[in-house]
Amino acid sequence: MQIPIETFRLDNGLLVTISEDHTAPIVGVNLWYHVGSANERPGRTGFAHLFEHMLFQGSADVASNEHFELIQRAGGTLNGSTWLDRTNYYEVIPSNQTELVLWLEANRMGHLLPAMTQEKLDTQRDVVKNERRWSVDNQPYGTWWERLPALCFPDGHPFHHSLIGSMEDLSQASLDDIATFFRTYYTPDNAVLSIAGDVDPSEVRAWVAQYFGPIPRGREMPNRPPMNVAPLFGSWLREVVPDDVALPRLFLAFRSPVFGSDGYYAASVCGAVLGLRSGSRLYRRLVREREVAAEAAAFTYDLPEGSDLLVLDVTARPGVSGEALHEAVAGEVDAVLAEGVTEAEVSRAAALIETELVTALQSAGDRADRLSMFATYFGKPELLNQQLVRYQQITASDVNAFIRERLGENNRASLLYIPRPDGERVEEMGETEAAAS
């Protein structure tokens, strides 16, 4: 499957991709800024996520929350998200509303600061704090989002600290911080704009030039700390978390080749063999046959720098202890390490991945998002058209080579949640070791 892709760059550095598709009168607009929690400085953790909230609080010509109102009134949907190394804002709208979306995104890129007030900052800071309480602090297993990267990346690494941030750091964020962060990272030369769906490319080019063209380039951005880490942890890292949960749950992580590299595709297929849907090894062995787990899955973080992570996520059945769950999952990893995987397993896994990719590319919103991803990380949105071939080229030999190199005991990090004992001291399986550099 090949999707049409047109690419151009404005004089101010904004990279633009257009994918024309008249299947339905729908358009997806996706704006990626190459900034995430990895760009935060000490004492300001969670700032990238807080800033995502601030961008919906209006700009010079748009009132607070009017961005939401205008898109929803036009029959569209919208949102934003923050990750370790990017923040994105996206809309899916009827195609006759494309110009409106481009104007709205350009207005907040070029004219956000005049609308920023202390009252808006205080309000959104409280919203983010409540989000942290709801999704992390008071959510069963909710702290895994910050505990797992902290276990897998050494102190001081850009991926080590919390994505959502600490309460103390959020409290310290000031209006001057907002202005500095915006001027530094929310600039056209640090952004990718993707438009996919029922559009006329010449018309879109004219609108983009009209609304985004006058926005000036940014200043030189500060360098992030070094991203490189060793390919292996060097030892088995372990952390046990007694928590207010009903069932044990294990996150077993492995450092793996970075997103987009040759080794990434073997790692991705390995993850699918182990934990993609009910036909995967972990689900078949631990959920259906041995009945020690209620759920089993695997995923990659898709990080393009430093190291990626392949993660197994397994929740115990009632009555199964954390120690028994950990032993069972480790045993399945040991088995695949000893036996390898078959061509049939690799073919099934690659087919599932390919099906998901083709399905996603039929959605204007997903297509725009993936174009922005490849454009942001590699400067080449056309790499999206190479993904099916790269997965189809993966063999059992490739996956088994990855398994031998990366699934051994010297490259495992266990984050195990167990029900909190009433008044008892929990004996950990082993001392938590500092992540290897």
Protein backbone atom coordinates (compact mmCIF):
# COMPACT_ATOMS: atom_id res chain seq x y z
CA MET A 1 0.00 0.00 0.00
CA GLN A 2 1.45 3.36 -1.07
CA ILE A 3 -0.18 6.60 0.05
CA PRO A 4 0.40 9.86 -1.85
CA ILE A 5 2.73 12.26 -0.05
CA GLU A 6 3.68 15.82 -0.95
CA THR A 7 6.25 17.67 1.13
CA PHE A 8 7.40 21.28 1.24
CA ARG A 9 9.09 23.57 3.71
CA LEU A 10 8.31 27.23 4.38
CA ASP A 11 11.10 29.79 4.64
CA ASN A 12 10.60 29.86 8.42
CA GLY A 13 11.44 26.15 8.65
CA LEU A 14 7.96 24.63 9.01
CA LEU A 15 7.92 21.19 7.35
CA VAL A 16 4.55 20.43 5.75
CA THR A 17 3.23 17.11 4.43
CA ILE A 18 0.02 16.61 2.46
CA SER A 19 -1.62 13.27 1.64
CA GLU A 20 -4.58 13.65 -0.70
CA ASP A 21 -7.39 11.09 -0.38
CA HIS A 22 -10.95 11.74 -1.56
CA THR A 23 -12.44 8.51 -0.19
CA ALA A 24 -14.50 10.49 2.34
CA PRO A 25 -15.08 14.23 2.92
CA ILE A 26 -12.84 14.16 6.00
CA VAL A 27 -9.49 15.78 6.76
CA GLY A 28 -7.00 15.07 9.52
CA VAL A 29 -4.65 17.86 10.62
CA ASN A 30 -1.77 16.94 12.90
CA LEU A 31 0.85 19.34 14.24
CA TRP A 32 3.88 17.81 15.97
CA TYR A 33 6.33 19.91 17.99
CA HIS A 34 9.65 18.19 18.64
CA VAL A 35 9.52 18.78 22.38
CA GLY A 36 8.50 16.52 25.25
CA SER A 37 9.45 15.70 28.80
CA ALA A 38 13.01 14.96 27.60
CA ASN A 39 13.47 18.70 27.06
CA GLU A 40 12.55 19.67 30.61
CA ARG A 41 15.15 21.06 32.98
CA PRO A 42 15.56 19.96 36.61
CA GLY A 43 12.88 21.45 38.83
CA ARG A 44 10.39 21.76 35.98
CA THR A 45 9.28 18.18 35.38
CA GLY A 46 5.84 17.89 33.83
CA PHE A 47 6.23 21.23 32.08
CA ALA A 48 5.76 19.88 28.54
CA HIS A 49 2.46 18.31 29.58
CA LEU A 50 1.35 21.43 31.43
CA PHE A 51 2.12 23.47 28.34
CA GLU A 52 -0.03 21.17 26.21
CA HIS A 53 -2.97 22.21 28.40
CA MET A 54 -2.06 25.87 28.09
CA LEU A 55 -2.31 25.79 24.31
CA PHE A 56 -6.06 25.29 24.55
CA GLN A 57 -6.49 28.44 26.66
CA GLY A 58 -6.73 30.82 23.74
CA SER A 59 -4.44 33.02 21.67
CA ALA A 60 -4.48 36.60 20.42
CA ASP A 61 -7.61 36.11 18.28
CA VAL A 62 -9.16 33.06 19.97
CA ALA A 63 -10.82 33.12 23.38
CA SER A 64 -10.16 30.57 26.09
CA ASN A 65 -11.68 27.19 25.08
CA GLU A 66 -12.91 28.72 21.79
CA HIS A 67 -10.61 26.39 19.85
CA PHE A 68 -12.64 23.45 21.20
CA GLU A 69 -15.93 25.20 20.58
CA LEU A 70 -15.18 26.14 16.97
CA ILE A 71 -14.02 22.66 16.00
CA GLN A 72 -16.86 20.87 17.73
CA ARG A 73 -19.42 23.28 16.25
CA ALA A 74 -17.98 22.48 12.83
CA GLY A 75 -18.57 18.77 13.40
CA GLY A 76 -14.96 17.88 14.20
CA THR A 77 -12.95 16.35 17.01
CA LEU A 78 -9.64 17.47 18.49
CA ASN A 79 -7.13 16.89 21.26
CA GLY A 80 -3.46 16.94 22.11
CA SER A 81 -0.93 14.59 23.70
CA THR A 82 2.53 14.74 25.24
CA TRP A 83 5.21 12.06 25.09
CA LEU A 84 8.85 11.77 26.08
CA ASP A 85 10.13 13.44 22.92
CA ARG A 86 7.19 15.16 21.22
CA THR A 87 3.92 17.02 21.76
CA ASN A 88 1.15 16.97 19.17
CA TYR A 89 -2.16 18.67 18.50
CA TYR A 90 -4.69 17.22 16.12
CA GLU A 91 -8.11 17.74 14.58
CA VAL A 92 -10.35 15.64 12.35
CA ILE A 93 -12.91 17.76 10.56
CA PRO A 94 -15.24 17.85 7.56
CA SER A 95 -13.09 18.84 4.61
CA ASN A 96 -14.85 22.18 4.14
CA GLN A 97 -13.46 23.26 7.56
CA THR A 98 -9.78 22.71 6.72
CA GLU A 99 -8.97 26.41 6.42
CA LEU A 100 -10.47 27.06 9.87
CA VAL A 101 -8.19 24.48 11.48
CA LEU A 102 -5.07 25.81 9.77
CA TRP A 103 -5.90 29.33 10.90
CA LEU A 104 -6.49 28.19 14.49
CA GLU A 105 -3.21 26.26 14.67
CA ALA A 106 -1.26 29.13 13.12
CA ASN A 107 -2.83 31.65 15.47
CA ARG A 108 -1.70 29.83 18.58
CA MET A 109 1.74 29.07 17.13
CA GLY A 110 2.30 32.71 16.25
CA HIS A 111 0.21 34.60 18.78
CA LEU A 112 -0.20 32.59 21.99
CA LEU A 113 1.62 34.75 24.53
CA PRO A 114 -0.67 37.82 24.44
CA ALA A 115 -3.48 35.63 25.74
CA MET A 116 -1.55 34.03 28.60
CA THR A 117 -2.56 35.12 32.10
CA GLN A 118 -1.70 34.06 35.62
CA GLU A 119 -5.31 33.00 36.13
CA LYS A 120 -5.14 30.60 33.17
CA LEU A 121 -1.87 29.16 34.39
CA ASP A 122 -3.24 28.61 37.90
CA THR A 123 -6.36 26.95 36.50
CA GLN A 124 -4.49 24.57 34.20
CA ARG A 125 -1.90 23.79 36.86
CA ASP A 126 -4.74 22.63 39.11
CA VAL A 127 -6.20 20.61 36.20
CA VAL A 128 -2.88 18.83 35.65
CA LYS A 129 -2.47 18.18 39.39
CA ASN A 130 -5.93 16.62 39.48
CA GLU A 131 -5.04 14.59 36.39
CA ARG A 132 -1.98 13.31 38.22
CA ARG A 133 -4.06 12.40 41.29
CA TRP A 134 -6.65 10.65 39.12
CA SER A 135 -4.45 8.84 36.58
CA VAL A 136 -1.25 8.22 38.58
CA ASP A 137 -1.39 8.61 42.35
CA ASN A 138 -4.85 7.16 42.98
CA GLN A 139 -5.09 4.82 39.99
CA PRO A 140 -4.25 1.13 40.46
CA TYR A 141 -0.82 0.57 38.90
CA GLY A 142 -0.91 4.23 37.82
CA THR A 143 2.67 5.01 38.82
CA TRP A 144 4.08 2.57 36.27
CA TRP A 145 4.24 5.43 33.75
CA GLU A 146 7.01 7.05 35.79
CA ARG A 147 8.51 4.09 37.64
CA LEU A 148 9.37 2.03 34.54
CA PRO A 149 11.36 4.74 32.68
CA ALA A 150 13.05 5.63 35.98
CA LEU A 151 14.11 2.00 36.35
CA CYS A 152 15.22 1.61 32.73
CA PHE A 153 17.11 4.88 32.22
CA PRO A 154 19.83 6.21 34.56
CA ASP A 155 19.39 9.28 36.73
CA GLY A 156 20.01 12.38 34.64
CA HIS A 157 18.97 10.76 31.37
CA PRO A 158 16.25 12.77 29.56
CA PHE A 159 13.84 9.79 29.73
CA HIS A 160 14.41 9.06 33.43
CA HIS A 161 12.07 11.55 35.08
CA SER A 162 8.28 11.64 35.24
CA LEU A 163 6.32 12.61 32.12
CA ILE A 164 3.44 14.12 34.10
CA GLY A 165 5.77 15.75 36.62
CA SER A 166 5.83 16.13 40.40
CA MET A 167 3.40 18.22 42.41
CA GLU A 168 6.32 20.33 43.69
CA ASP A 169 7.63 21.13 40.21
CA LEU A 170 4.17 21.93 38.89
CA SER A 171 3.66 24.35 41.77
CA GLN A 172 6.87 26.18 40.84
CA ALA A 173 5.90 26.82 37.20
CA SER A 174 5.57 30.55 36.51
CA LEU A 175 4.19 32.70 33.72
CA ASP A 176 7.77 33.58 32.76
CA ASP A 177 8.45 29.82 32.42
CA ILE A 178 5.50 29.59 30.03
CA ALA A 179 6.82 32.41 27.86
CA THR A 180 10.35 31.00 27.76
CA PHE A 181 9.17 27.49 26.92
CA PHE A 182 6.92 28.79 24.15
CA ARG A 183 9.57 30.99 22.54
CA THR A 184 12.12 28.19 22.71
CA TYR A 185 10.17 25.18 21.41
CA TYR A 186 6.86 26.25 19.86
CA THR A 187 8.40 27.62 16.69
CA PRO A 188 7.80 26.70 13.04
CA ASP A 189 11.35 25.35 12.58
CA ASN A 190 10.69 22.88 15.43
CA ALA A 191 7.34 21.68 14.06
CA VAL A 192 5.79 19.44 11.42
CA LEU A 193 2.32 20.05 10.00
CA SER A 194 0.56 17.14 8.28
CA ILE A 195 -2.76 17.34 6.42
CA ALA A 196 -4.36 14.13 5.18
CA GLY A 197 -7.66 13.46 3.46
CA ASP A 198 -10.09 15.22 1.15
CA VAL A 199 -8.02 18.27 0.22
CA ASP A 200 -6.81 20.16 -2.82
CA PRO A 201 -3.01 20.33 -2.32
CA SER A 202 -2.64 23.64 -4.13
CA GLU A 203 -5.34 25.18 -1.96
CA VAL A 204 -3.74 23.80 1.21
CA ARG A 205 -0.32 25.13 0.18
CA ALA A 206 -1.79 28.61 -0.22
CA TRP A 207 -3.50 28.52 3.20
CA VAL A 208 -0.38 27.23 4.94
CA ALA A 209 1.74 29.96 3.35
CA GLN A 210 -0.83 32.61 4.27
CA TYR A 211 -1.32 31.66 7.92
CA PHE A 212 2.00 30.07 8.95
CA GLY A 213 4.39 31.89 6.62
CA PRO A 214 4.62 35.17 8.61
CA ILE A 215 5.56 33.37 11.87
CA PRO A 216 9.27 33.93 12.56
CA ARG A 217 11.82 31.20 13.19
CA GLY A 218 12.77 30.43 16.74
CA ARG A 219 15.99 31.03 18.58
CA GLU A 220 18.65 28.37 18.94
CA MET A 221 17.33 25.58 21.16
CA PRO A 222 19.36 24.31 24.13
CA ASN A 223 20.98 20.91 23.77
CA ARG A 224 19.51 18.00 25.67
CA PRO A 225 21.74 15.87 27.89
CA PRO A 226 23.29 12.87 26.10
CA MET A 227 20.72 10.27 25.06
CA ASN A 228 23.03 7.30 24.54
CA VAL A 229 22.91 4.31 26.86
CA ALA A 230 24.45 0.86 26.68
CA PRO A 231 22.45 -1.64 24.58
CA LEU A 232 21.96 -3.86 27.68
CA PHE A 233 21.18 -3.06 31.30
CA GLY A 234 24.14 -5.18 32.35
CA SER A 235 22.22 -6.95 35.12
CA TRP A 236 18.65 -7.83 36.04
CA LEU A 237 17.05 -4.69 37.51
CA ARG A 238 14.19 -5.31 39.92
CA GLU A 239 11.67 -3.17 41.75
CA VAL A 240 8.71 -4.39 43.80
CA VAL A 241 5.90 -1.92 44.54
CA PRO A 242 3.40 -2.76 47.30
CA ASP A 243 0.30 -0.84 46.25
CA ASP A 244 -3.46 -0.62 46.74
CA VAL A 245 -4.17 -3.14 43.98
CA ALA A 246 -6.21 -6.33 43.91
CA LEU A 247 -3.90 -8.41 41.71
CA PRO A 248 -0.16 -8.58 41.05
CA ARG A 249 0.96 -7.05 37.76
CA LEU A 250 4.39 -7.31 36.14
CA PHE A 251 6.05 -4.98 33.63
CA LEU A 252 9.13 -6.76 32.28
CA ALA A 253 11.21 -4.46 30.07
CA PHE A 254 14.19 -4.98 27.77
CA ARG A 255 16.34 -2.35 26.11
CA SER A 256 15.87 -2.72 22.35
CA PRO A 257 17.01 -1.03 19.11
CA VAL A 258 15.69 2.47 18.54
CA PHE A 259 12.58 3.10 16.48
CA GLY A 260 13.25 3.14 12.74
CA SER A 261 16.52 1.19 12.90
CA ASP A 262 16.93 -2.19 11.22
CA GLY A 263 16.85 -3.94 14.59
CA TYR A 264 13.63 -2.22 15.62
CA TYR A 265 11.50 -4.26 13.22
CA ALA A 266 12.77 -7.56 14.59
CA ALA A 267 12.06 -6.31 18.12
CA SER A 268 8.57 -5.18 17.11
CA VAL A 269 7.76 -8.58 15.56
CA CYS A 270 9.20 -10.32 18.64
CA GLY A 271 6.84 -8.27 20.81
CA ALA A 272 3.92 -9.28 18.60
CA VAL A 273 4.89 -12.97 18.82
CA LEU A 274 5.00 -12.70 22.61
CA GLY A 275 2.06 -10.46 23.33
CA LEU A 276 -0.12 -9.24 20.45
CA ARG A 277 -3.69 -10.48 20.88
CA SER A 278 -5.00 -13.79 22.13
CA GLY A 279 -2.94 -15.97 19.78
CA SER A 280 0.36 -14.72 21.18
CA ARG A 281 2.70 -16.91 23.21
CA LEU A 282 2.17 -15.20 26.55
CA TYR A 283 -1.61 -15.14 26.22
CA ARG A 284 -1.80 -18.74 25.04
CA ARG A 285 0.59 -20.11 27.65
CA LEU A 286 -0.14 -17.96 30.71
CA VAL A 287 -3.82 -17.06 30.29
CA ARG A 288 -5.37 -20.06 28.53
CA GLU A 289 -3.14 -23.03 29.33
CA ARG A 290 -1.49 -22.41 32.71
CA GLU A 291 -4.18 -20.01 33.99
CA VAL A 292 -1.76 -17.91 36.02
CA ALA A 293 -2.56 -14.63 34.22
CA ALA A 294 -5.73 -12.71 33.44
CA GLU A 295 -4.16 -10.47 30.79
CA ALA A 296 -0.92 -10.53 28.82
CA ALA A 297 0.37 -8.06 26.22
CA ALA A 298 3.57 -6.60 24.81
CA PHE A 299 4.48 -3.24 23.29
CA THR A 300 7.40 -1.02 22.34
CA TYR A 301 7.86 2.62 23.38
CA ASP A 302 8.95 3.55 19.81
CA LEU A 303 11.76 5.85 20.96
CA PRO A 304 14.04 7.02 18.11
CA GLU A 305 17.02 8.05 20.26
CA GLY A 306 19.12 6.45 22.97
CA SER A 307 17.31 3.16 23.35
CA ASP A 308 13.84 1.85 22.78
CA LEU A 309 12.05 -0.42 25.28
CA LEU A 310 10.21 -3.67 24.62
CA VAL A 311 7.77 -4.26 27.48
CA LEU A 312 5.76 -7.31 28.56
CA ASP A 313 2.68 -6.39 30.61
CA VAL A 314 1.09 -9.30 32.48
CA THR A 315 -1.62 -9.23 35.19
CA ALA A 316 -2.11 -12.21 37.50
CA ARG A 317 -5.29 -14.19 38.03
CA PRO A 318 -6.86 -14.05 41.51
CA GLY A 319 -4.98 -16.28 43.90
CA VAL A 320 -1.65 -16.07 42.03
CA SER A 321 1.13 -14.37 44.00
CA GLY A 322 3.47 -11.76 42.62
CA GLU A 323 6.40 -14.12 42.98
CA ALA A 324 4.57 -16.86 41.06
CA LEU A 325 3.59 -14.40 38.32
CA HIS A 326 7.16 -13.16 37.99
CA GLU A 327 8.50 -16.71 37.83
CA ALA A 328 5.95 -17.72 35.19
CA VAL A 329 6.66 -14.76 32.89
CA ALA A 330 10.42 -15.14 33.27
CA GLY A 331 10.02 -18.83 32.49
CA GLU A 332 8.27 -18.05 29.20
CA VAL A 333 11.02 -15.60 28.27
CA ASP A 334 13.61 -18.25 29.12
CA ALA A 335 11.74 -20.71 26.91
CA VAL A 336 11.71 -18.42 23.90
CA LEU A 337 15.36 -17.65 24.56
CA ALA A 338 16.17 -21.38 24.49
CA GLU A 339 13.84 -22.46 21.67
CA GLY A 340 13.54 -19.38 19.48
CA VAL A 341 10.48 -18.60 17.38
CA THR A 342 9.22 -20.26 14.21
CA GLU A 343 8.59 -18.84 10.75
CA ALA A 344 4.87 -19.47 11.30
CA GLU A 345 4.87 -17.34 14.45
CA VAL A 346 6.77 -14.57 12.71
CA SER A 347 4.43 -14.63 9.71
CA ARG A 348 1.37 -14.41 11.97
CA ALA A 349 2.87 -11.54 14.00
CA ALA A 350 3.97 -9.57 10.94
CA ALA A 351 0.53 -10.03 9.36
CA LEU A 352 -1.18 -8.63 12.47
CA ILE A 353 1.14 -5.62 12.49
CA GLU A 354 0.60 -5.04 8.77
CA THR A 355 -3.19 -5.25 9.18
CA GLU A 356 -3.11 -2.67 11.95
CA LEU A 357 -0.93 -0.37 9.84
CA VAL A 358 -3.12 -0.61 6.74
CA THR A 359 -6.25 -0.03 8.83
CA ALA A 360 -4.69 3.03 10.46
CA LEU A 361 -3.67 4.54 7.12
CA GLN A 362 -7.30 4.47 5.99
CA SER A 363 -8.09 6.96 8.77
CA ALA A 364 -7.31 10.59 7.93
CA GLY A 365 -6.39 11.33 11.54
CA ASP A 366 -4.06 8.35 11.96
CA ARG A 367 -2.45 8.93 8.58
CA ALA A 368 -1.67 12.55 9.44
CA ASP A 369 -0.26 11.49 12.80
CA ARG A 370 2.10 8.91 11.29
CA LEU A 371 3.27 11.30 8.61
CA SER A 372 4.12 13.80 11.33
CA MET A 373 5.96 11.11 13.28
CA PHE A 374 8.31 10.13 10.45
CA ALA A 375 8.78 13.76 9.42
CA THR A 376 9.61 14.84 12.99
CA TYR A 377 11.96 12.01 13.86
CA PHE A 378 13.71 11.54 10.51
CA GLY A 379 12.74 14.49 8.31
CA LYS A 380 11.29 12.00 5.81
CA PRO A 381 7.52 11.47 5.92
CA GLU A 382 7.86 9.19 2.88
CA LEU A 383 9.36 6.54 5.19
CA LEU A 384 5.75 5.73 6.10
CA ASN A 385 5.41 4.04 2.70
CA GLN A 386 8.34 1.73 3.49
CA GLN A 387 6.92 0.25 6.69
CA LEU A 388 5.00 -2.66 5.19
CA VAL A 389 8.04 -3.82 3.22
CA ARG A 390 10.30 -3.57 6.24
CA TYR A 391 8.00 -5.81 8.28
CA GLN A 392 7.58 -8.24 5.39
CA GLN A 393 11.36 -8.64 5.20
CA ILE A 394 11.68 -9.82 8.82
CA THR A 395 12.45 -13.54 9.16
CA ALA A 396 12.51 -15.94 12.08
CA SER A 397 16.31 -15.74 11.90
CA ASP A 398 16.15 -11.95 12.44
CA VAL A 399 13.83 -12.30 15.42
CA ASN A 400 15.87 -15.09 16.98
CA ALA A 401 19.03 -13.01 16.64
CA PHE A 402 17.26 -10.19 18.53
CA ILE A 403 16.09 -12.66 21.18
CA ARG A 404 19.60 -14.02 21.76
CA GLU A 405 21.03 -10.52 21.98
CA ARG A 406 18.38 -8.75 24.06
CA LEU A 407 16.18 -11.13 26.11
CA GLY A 408 18.85 -12.55 28.42
CA GLU A 409 19.00 -11.96 32.17
CA ASN A 410 21.55 -9.20 31.64
CA ASN A 411 18.91 -7.09 29.89
CA ARG A 412 15.77 -7.38 32.01
CA ALA A 413 14.06 -4.82 34.22
CA SER A 414 11.18 -6.07 36.40
CA LEU A 415 8.61 -3.67 37.82
CA LEU A 416 6.26 -5.82 39.92
CA TYR A 417 3.13 -4.49 41.62
CA ILE A 418 1.76 -6.55 44.50
CA PRO A 419 -1.22 -6.03 46.82
CA ARG A 420 -0.15 -4.09 49.88
CA PRO A 421 -0.03 -6.38 52.93
CA ASP A 422 -1.92 -5.07 55.96
CA GLY A 423 0.73 -3.95 58.42
CA GLU A 424 3.36 -6.29 56.99
CA ARG A 425 6.82 -5.47 55.69
CA VAL A 426 7.21 -6.63 52.11
CA GLU A 427 10.30 -8.66 51.28
CA GLU A 428 11.54 -7.62 47.86
CA MET A 429 12.79 -10.25 45.42
CA GLY A 430 16.13 -8.48 45.20
CA GLU A 431 17.67 -5.10 45.78
CA THR A 432 16.72 -2.50 43.23
CA GLU A 433 19.84 -1.67 41.28
CA ALA A 434 20.61 1.63 39.68
CA ALA A 435 20.00 1.51 35.93
CA ALA A 436 23.17 0.83 34.00
CA SER A 437 24.50 3.69 31.97
